[in-house]
Protein backbone atom coordinates (compact mmCIF):
# COMPACT_ATOMS: atom_id res chain seq x y z
CA UNK A 1 29.27 -24.87 -41.49
CA UNK A 2 29.77 -28.20 -39.76
CA UNK A 3 26.07 -28.62 -39.05
CA UNK A 4 25.14 -27.78 -42.66
CA UNK A 5 27.54 -30.45 -43.86
CA UNK A 6 26.00 -32.98 -41.50
CA UNK A 7 22.43 -32.15 -42.51
CA UNK A 8 22.83 -31.84 -46.26
CA UNK A 9 26.13 -33.06 -47.65
CA UNK A 10 26.96 -36.08 -45.51
CA UNK A 11 23.68 -37.97 -46.08
CA UNK A 12 24.26 -37.75 -49.82
CA UNK A 13 27.88 -38.84 -49.58
CA UNK A 14 27.08 -41.75 -47.30
CA UNK A 15 24.84 -43.30 -49.94
CA UNK A 16 27.94 -44.15 -51.98
CA UNK A 17 30.84 -46.54 -51.40
CA UNK A 18 33.33 -45.04 -48.88
CA UNK A 19 36.44 -45.60 -50.98
CA UNK A 20 34.76 -44.18 -54.10
CA UNK A 21 33.83 -41.03 -52.17
CA UNK A 22 37.32 -40.78 -50.68
CA UNK A 23 38.94 -40.97 -54.09
CA UNK A 24 36.52 -38.45 -55.63
CA UNK A 25 37.10 -36.00 -52.79
CA UNK A 26 40.85 -36.14 -53.42
CA UNK A 27 40.32 -35.68 -57.16
CA UNK A 28 38.14 -32.65 -56.52
CA UNK A 29 40.67 -31.15 -54.10
CA UNK A 30 43.45 -31.75 -56.62
CA UNK A 31 41.58 -30.00 -59.43
CA UNK A 32 40.44 -27.15 -57.18
CA UNK A 33 43.93 -26.33 -55.98
CA UNK A 34 43.68 -22.91 -57.61
CA UNK A 35 41.17 -22.00 -54.86
CA UNK A 36 43.77 -22.50 -52.13
CA UNK A 37 44.70 -18.81 -51.67
CA UNK A 38 41.03 -17.85 -51.24
CA UNK A 39 40.28 -20.70 -48.84
CA UNK A 40 43.39 -19.94 -46.84
CA UNK A 41 42.18 -16.41 -46.19
CA UNK A 42 38.85 -17.81 -44.97
CA UNK A 43 40.08 -20.70 -42.83
CA UNK A 44 43.50 -19.70 -41.52
CA UNK A 45 43.62 -19.62 -37.69
CA UNK A 46 43.52 -16.04 -36.45
CA UNK A 47 44.51 -16.59 -32.81
CA UNK A 48 48.27 -16.25 -32.38
CA UNK A 49 48.10 -18.27 -29.16
CA UNK A 50 47.66 -21.39 -31.33
CA UNK A 51 51.01 -20.98 -33.12
CA UNK A 52 53.64 -23.55 -32.08
CA UNK A 53 57.28 -24.39 -32.65
CA UNK A 54 57.85 -28.14 -32.84
CA UNK A 55 61.10 -29.85 -33.86
CA UNK A 56 62.33 -26.60 -35.35
CA UNK A 57 59.20 -26.06 -37.45
CA UNK A 58 56.98 -23.02 -37.01
CA UNK A 59 53.29 -23.88 -37.40
CA UNK A 60 50.34 -21.52 -37.31
CA UNK A 61 48.29 -24.14 -35.49
CA UNK A 62 49.00 -27.39 -33.64
CA UNK A 63 46.14 -29.09 -35.52
CA UNK A 64 47.19 -31.11 -38.56
CA UNK A 65 45.77 -33.49 -41.11
CA UNK A 66 46.77 -37.08 -40.39
CA UNK A 67 48.29 -39.38 -42.98
CA UNK A 68 45.81 -41.63 -44.74
CA UNK A 69 43.62 -39.02 -46.38
CA UNK A 70 45.96 -37.74 -49.08
CA UNK A 71 47.90 -40.93 -49.64
CA UNK A 72 49.76 -39.72 -52.72
CA UNK A 73 50.23 -35.97 -52.15
CA UNK A 74 47.71 -35.15 -54.86
CA UNK A 75 45.86 -32.35 -53.04
CA UNK A 76 48.31 -30.83 -50.56
CA UNK A 77 47.76 -27.20 -51.53
CA UNK A 78 43.98 -27.22 -51.08
CA UNK A 79 44.03 -29.34 -47.93
CA UNK A 80 46.58 -27.05 -46.30
CA UNK A 81 44.29 -24.10 -47.05
CA UNK A 82 41.55 -25.53 -44.78
CA UNK A 83 43.35 -24.05 -41.79
CA UNK A 84 45.67 -26.90 -40.83
CA UNK A 85 49.01 -26.13 -39.23
CA UNK A 86 50.56 -29.05 -41.06
CA UNK A 87 49.52 -31.72 -43.54
CA UNK A 88 50.91 -35.26 -43.49
CA UNK A 89 50.75 -37.35 -46.66
CA UNK A 90 51.09 -41.10 -47.17
CA UNK A 91 51.85 -43.70 -46.12
CA UNK A 92 54.30 -43.92 -49.03
CA UNK A 93 56.56 -46.83 -49.92
CA UNK A 94 59.56 -47.18 -52.20
CA UNK A 95 57.53 -48.96 -54.87
CA UNK A 96 53.95 -48.72 -56.06
CA UNK A 97 51.48 -50.88 -54.15
CA UNK A 98 47.86 -51.77 -54.88
CA UNK A 99 47.18 -52.49 -51.21
CA UNK A 100 44.63 -55.01 -50.03
CA UNK A 101 41.72 -56.25 -52.17
CA UNK A 102 38.46 -54.28 -52.04
CA UNK A 103 36.28 -53.66 -50.11
CA UNK A 104 38.72 -52.17 -47.62
CA UNK A 105 37.05 -49.10 -46.14
CA UNK A 106 33.88 -49.24 -44.03
CA UNK A 107 31.82 -46.70 -42.09
CA UNK A 108 30.39 -47.16 -38.60
CA UNK A 109 28.11 -44.09 -38.40
CA UNK A 110 26.61 -44.96 -35.02
CA UNK A 111 30.10 -44.70 -33.49
CA UNK A 112 31.61 -41.91 -35.59
CA UNK A 113 34.16 -44.44 -36.78
CA UNK A 114 35.75 -45.95 -39.86
CA UNK A 115 37.24 -49.40 -40.31
CA UNK A 116 40.39 -49.11 -42.43
CA UNK A 117 41.83 -52.09 -44.31
CA UNK A 118 43.53 -50.30 -47.20
CA UNK A 119 46.85 -52.09 -46.86
CA UNK A 120 48.86 -49.03 -47.91
CA UNK A 121 47.98 -48.48 -51.58
CA UNK A 122 50.17 -45.71 -53.01
CA UNK A 123 51.95 -44.58 -56.15
CA UNK A 124 55.47 -45.08 -54.83
CA UNK A 125 58.13 -42.66 -53.64
CA UNK A 126 59.36 -41.44 -57.03
CA UNK A 127 55.92 -40.33 -58.22
CA UNK A 128 55.02 -38.73 -54.90
CA UNK A 129 58.34 -36.86 -54.82
CA UNK A 130 57.47 -35.29 -58.19
CA UNK A 131 54.15 -34.04 -56.85
CA UNK A 132 55.67 -32.66 -53.67
CA UNK A 133 58.29 -30.81 -55.67
CA UNK A 134 55.46 -28.90 -57.37
CA UNK A 135 53.54 -27.92 -54.21
CA UNK A 136 53.00 -24.25 -53.49
CA UNK A 137 51.80 -24.21 -49.90
CA UNK A 138 54.07 -22.89 -47.17
CA UNK A 139 52.24 -24.95 -44.56
CA UNK A 140 54.67 -27.66 -43.34
CA UNK A 141 54.14 -31.00 -45.08
CA UNK A 142 55.10 -34.27 -43.44
CA UNK A 143 55.79 -37.43 -45.41
CA UNK A 144 54.80 -40.74 -43.85
CA UNK A 145 57.03 -43.60 -45.04
CA UNK A 146 56.29 -47.32 -44.86
CA UNK A 147 57.51 -50.60 -46.29
CA UNK A 148 56.04 -51.60 -49.66
CA UNK A 149 53.13 -53.96 -49.10
CA UNK A 150 53.80 -56.87 -51.42
CA UNK A 151 51.47 -59.06 -49.36
CA UNK A 152 54.25 -61.57 -48.74
CA UNK A 153 56.75 -62.07 -45.93
CA UNK A 154 60.14 -60.49 -46.74
CA UNK A 155 63.64 -60.67 -45.22
CA UNK A 156 64.45 -57.94 -42.73
CA UNK A 157 67.22 -56.47 -44.90
CA UNK A 158 64.76 -56.01 -47.77
CA UNK A 159 62.23 -54.27 -45.51
CA UNK A 160 64.82 -51.93 -44.03
CA UNK A 161 66.27 -51.13 -47.46
CA UNK A 162 62.77 -50.25 -48.66
CA UNK A 163 62.40 -47.64 -45.90
CA UNK A 164 65.85 -46.22 -46.56
CA UNK A 165 65.21 -45.86 -50.29
CA UNK A 166 61.93 -44.04 -49.68
CA UNK A 167 63.51 -41.63 -47.21
CA UNK A 168 66.32 -40.82 -49.65
CA UNK A 169 63.83 -40.17 -52.44
CA UNK A 170 61.40 -38.06 -50.41
CA UNK A 171 63.73 -36.32 -47.96
CA UNK A 172 64.30 -33.08 -49.84
CA UNK A 173 60.57 -32.61 -50.52
CA UNK A 174 59.40 -33.01 -46.92
CA UNK A 175 59.37 -30.59 -44.01
CA UNK A 176 59.39 -33.56 -41.67
CA UNK A 177 59.43 -37.35 -42.05
CA UNK A 178 57.51 -40.09 -40.25
CA UNK A 179 58.53 -43.74 -40.24
CA UNK A 180 55.37 -45.82 -39.99
CA UNK A 181 56.59 -48.71 -37.87
CA UNK A 182 53.25 -50.27 -37.02
CA UNK A 183 50.75 -50.46 -39.87
CA UNK A 184 47.95 -52.70 -38.55
CA UNK A 185 46.85 -53.79 -42.03
CA UNK A 186 49.92 -55.54 -43.44
CA UNK A 187 51.60 -58.79 -42.44
CA UNK A 188 55.00 -57.17 -41.78
CA UNK A 189 53.72 -53.92 -40.33
CA UNK A 190 52.05 -55.19 -37.17
CA UNK A 191 55.09 -56.26 -35.19
CA UNK A 192 58.27 -56.20 -37.26
CA UNK A 193 59.91 -53.39 -35.28
CA UNK A 194 58.87 -54.72 -31.90
CA UNK A 195 62.33 -56.26 -31.96
CA UNK A 196 64.70 -53.43 -30.90
CA UNK A 197 67.56 -54.82 -32.99
CA UNK A 198 65.59 -54.23 -36.19
CA UNK A 199 64.67 -50.70 -35.17
CA UNK A 200 68.33 -49.91 -34.53
CA UNK A 201 69.30 -51.29 -37.93
CA UNK A 202 66.75 -49.03 -39.60
CA UNK A 203 67.82 -45.90 -37.74
CA UNK A 204 71.49 -46.65 -38.38
CA UNK A 205 70.78 -46.82 -42.11
CA UNK A 206 69.20 -43.38 -42.32
CA UNK A 207 70.83 -40.03 -42.92
CA UNK A 208 68.32 -37.24 -42.37
CA UNK A 209 68.50 -33.49 -41.93
CA UNK A 210 64.77 -33.06 -41.33
CA UNK A 211 62.71 -33.72 -38.17
CA UNK A 212 62.08 -37.46 -37.95
CA UNK A 213 59.16 -39.04 -36.07
CA UNK A 214 58.47 -42.71 -35.39
CA UNK A 215 54.84 -43.78 -35.73
CA UNK A 216 53.98 -46.40 -33.14
CA UNK A 217 50.89 -48.30 -32.07
CA UNK A 218 49.86 -48.55 -28.40
CA UNK A 219 52.35 -50.66 -26.47
CA UNK A 220 51.43 -53.90 -24.72
CA UNK A 221 52.82 -52.51 -21.46
CA UNK A 222 55.51 -50.43 -19.80
CA UNK A 223 58.36 -52.97 -20.39
CA UNK A 224 57.70 -52.90 -24.16
CA UNK A 225 57.65 -49.10 -24.18
CA UNK A 226 60.86 -48.86 -22.18
CA UNK A 227 62.60 -51.30 -24.56
CA UNK A 228 61.49 -49.16 -27.48
CA UNK A 229 62.75 -45.94 -25.89
CA UNK A 230 66.06 -47.59 -25.02
CA UNK A 231 66.49 -48.65 -28.65
CA UNK A 232 65.84 -45.10 -29.85
CA UNK A 233 67.97 -43.41 -27.20
CA UNK A 234 71.23 -43.41 -29.13
CA UNK A 235 69.87 -41.79 -32.27
CA UNK A 236 69.94 -38.02 -32.11
CA UNK A 237 68.09 -37.57 -35.40
CA UNK A 238 64.80 -38.84 -33.92
CA UNK A 239 62.58 -35.87 -33.02
CA UNK A 240 59.66 -37.70 -31.46
CA UNK A 241 56.76 -40.08 -31.84
CA UNK A 242 53.40 -40.24 -33.59
CA UNK A 243 50.47 -42.34 -32.41
CA UNK A 244 49.09 -45.02 -34.76
CA UNK A 245 45.96 -47.16 -34.64
CA UNK A 246 46.20 -50.48 -32.82
CA UNK A 247 45.42 -53.68 -34.69
CA UNK A 248 42.05 -55.28 -33.99
CA UNK A 249 38.90 -53.71 -32.65
CA UNK A 250 38.78 -51.36 -29.65
CA UNK A 251 36.45 -51.87 -26.73
CA UNK A 252 32.82 -51.37 -27.75
CA UNK A 253 33.28 -52.14 -31.45
CA UNK A 254 31.82 -55.48 -32.50
CA UNK A 255 32.50 -56.27 -36.15
CA UNK A 256 33.73 -59.16 -38.28
CA UNK A 257 35.09 -56.75 -40.88
CA UNK A 258 38.88 -56.77 -41.29
CA UNK A 259 40.93 -53.72 -40.41
CA UNK A 260 41.74 -51.18 -37.72
CA UNK A 261 39.23 -48.70 -36.32
CA UNK A 262 39.69 -44.93 -36.49
CA UNK A 263 37.45 -42.27 -34.99
CA UNK A 264 35.91 -41.97 -31.54
CA UNK A 265 36.52 -45.61 -30.46
CA UNK A 266 40.26 -45.09 -30.99
CA UNK A 267 40.50 -42.20 -28.54
CA UNK A 268 40.93 -44.12 -25.29
CA UNK A 269 43.93 -46.22 -26.31
CA UNK A 270 45.51 -43.25 -28.07
CA UNK A 271 45.19 -41.08 -24.98
CA UNK A 272 46.71 -43.80 -22.80
CA UNK A 273 49.66 -44.10 -25.17
CA UNK A 274 50.24 -40.34 -25.26
CA UNK A 275 50.24 -40.15 -21.47
CA UNK A 276 52.59 -43.10 -21.02
CA UNK A 277 55.01 -41.90 -23.69
CA UNK A 278 55.10 -38.41 -22.21
CA UNK A 279 55.75 -39.75 -18.73
CA UNK A 280 58.62 -42.02 -19.74
CA UNK A 281 60.35 -40.33 -22.70
CA UNK A 282 63.13 -37.75 -22.53
CA UNK A 283 61.08 -34.55 -22.88
CA UNK A 284 64.17 -32.49 -23.61
CA UNK A 285 64.62 -34.46 -26.84
CA UNK A 286 61.29 -35.83 -27.97
CA UNK A 287 57.82 -34.52 -28.79
CA UNK A 288 54.56 -36.33 -29.50
CA UNK A 289 52.11 -36.09 -32.39
CA UNK A 290 48.75 -37.24 -31.02
CA UNK A 291 45.72 -38.50 -32.91
CA UNK A 292 42.72 -40.74 -32.45
CA UNK A 293 39.10 -39.63 -32.16
CA UNK A 294 39.61 -35.87 -32.48
CA UNK A 295 36.21 -34.33 -33.28
CA UNK A 296 36.11 -31.29 -30.99
CA UNK A 297 38.40 -28.78 -29.36
CA UNK A 298 37.93 -30.64 -26.07
CA UNK A 299 39.24 -33.84 -27.72
CA UNK A 300 42.34 -32.03 -28.94
CA UNK A 301 42.85 -30.12 -25.68
CA UNK A 302 42.81 -33.37 -23.73
CA UNK A 303 45.60 -34.74 -25.90
CA UNK A 304 47.69 -31.61 -25.42
CA UNK A 305 47.26 -31.86 -21.67
CA UNK A 306 48.31 -35.53 -21.78
CA UNK A 307 51.54 -34.65 -23.56
CA UNK A 308 51.00 -34.17 -27.29
CA UNK A 309 52.62 -31.09 -28.86
CA UNK A 310 50.73 -31.57 -32.14
CA UNK A 311 47.34 -33.18 -32.72
CA UNK A 312 46.07 -34.62 -35.99
CA UNK A 313 42.58 -35.45 -37.22
CA UNK A 314 41.13 -37.35 -40.17
CA UNK A 315 37.92 -39.24 -39.43
CA UNK A 316 36.15 -36.12 -38.19
CA UNK A 317 36.54 -34.64 -41.68
CA UNK A 318 34.35 -37.48 -42.92
CA UNK A 319 31.68 -37.03 -40.25
CA UNK A 320 31.83 -33.26 -39.65
CA UNK A 321 33.20 -31.86 -42.90
CA UNK A 322 36.03 -29.38 -43.53
CA UNK A 323 34.52 -26.84 -41.14
CA UNK A 324 35.63 -29.05 -38.26
CA UNK A 325 39.11 -27.49 -38.45
CA UNK A 326 37.83 -23.98 -37.77
CA UNK A 327 35.50 -25.33 -35.09
CA UNK A 328 38.45 -26.91 -33.27
CA UNK A 329 40.48 -23.72 -33.55
CA UNK A 330 37.67 -21.57 -32.17
CA UNK A 331 37.09 -24.02 -29.34
CA UNK A 332 40.78 -24.15 -28.42
CA UNK A 333 40.91 -20.35 -28.23
CA UNK A 334 37.92 -20.41 -25.89
CA UNK A 335 39.54 -23.07 -23.70
CA UNK A 336 42.75 -21.06 -23.46
CA UNK A 337 40.71 -18.02 -22.47
CA UNK A 338 38.81 -20.03 -19.86
CA UNK A 339 42.01 -21.37 -18.31
CA UNK A 340 43.94 -18.10 -18.53
CA UNK A 341 46.65 -19.70 -20.70
CA UNK A 342 48.83 -17.50 -22.89
CA UNK A 343 49.59 -20.09 -25.56
CA UNK A 344 48.63 -23.64 -26.43
CA UNK A 345 52.18 -24.93 -25.86
CA UNK A 346 51.84 -24.07 -22.17
CA UNK A 347 49.25 -26.80 -21.57
CA UNK A 348 51.32 -29.66 -23.04
CA UNK A 349 51.67 -32.38 -20.42
CA UNK A 350 50.00 -30.58 -17.54
CA UNK A 351 47.50 -33.44 -17.15
CA UNK A 352 49.87 -36.36 -17.74
């Protein structure tokens, strides 16, 4: 199925503007939600060794859809039916945002990559909460929360209040929550929470009864990571960390286009961050959601071995099609068989 997509469907899609195709794919998935039960029977992972328990959530697979594809929770039911163990929507802010001016999404086919400069366009927390309240899927849904991008500098109390309002609005409609602390495509998002005092203020202002993850970009070094972990240490409602894209262009990508790079070029820095986090965090308290350049089972397996308990993909859907999810599941089962491992959770961190 993946190869048919690459031969026939992708060449046609790649003739059109990336954002136009992205939006149309979401519209199609939204309208075709009635097909979800049928697709779920076709794509659901069959190997019980892939089931995981993370932060109190039971998932049929450790492979999830990363935030950024379904920004407004318009197509959760159909997307969950593609075999994912969880689906993360967003990023979502308290108020509606148009994001950055177009063009803001670019393909790099030679590198299996995308340059993303969306700037967090979304419908706002109230509208997204209404959609999530109507979802039917039992697959866990995560909600990725971020500050509203008003494209101006704002006082820290306004930014923190924006997060808090979104969490309050979306909390009851999420299976888990993610605070996006490091969006590379907004003026505030790149480094606002590098200051531990601000991170503590945010966490102190939140009351949550759901698993809560902090989405972070690769750290400049070990001292910065340790300062971050020290700031988080006193907050028992933090379940773990999710890996975000770094700002700028990774090694090997030469482009004057604005934005962060997802896909294969993002894998190296993501893997380094997973390993370092796993080595230095309190593993009895925290877990890691890994992402960055996941196209094959081997890509995902490497991230599990480095310390991720869950692994998300996004860009590979664009380049390999929806069949990539089943391909990763089948490959993971084969790798477990090869290594004589009883369940995928048993390989987490063995290569860190």
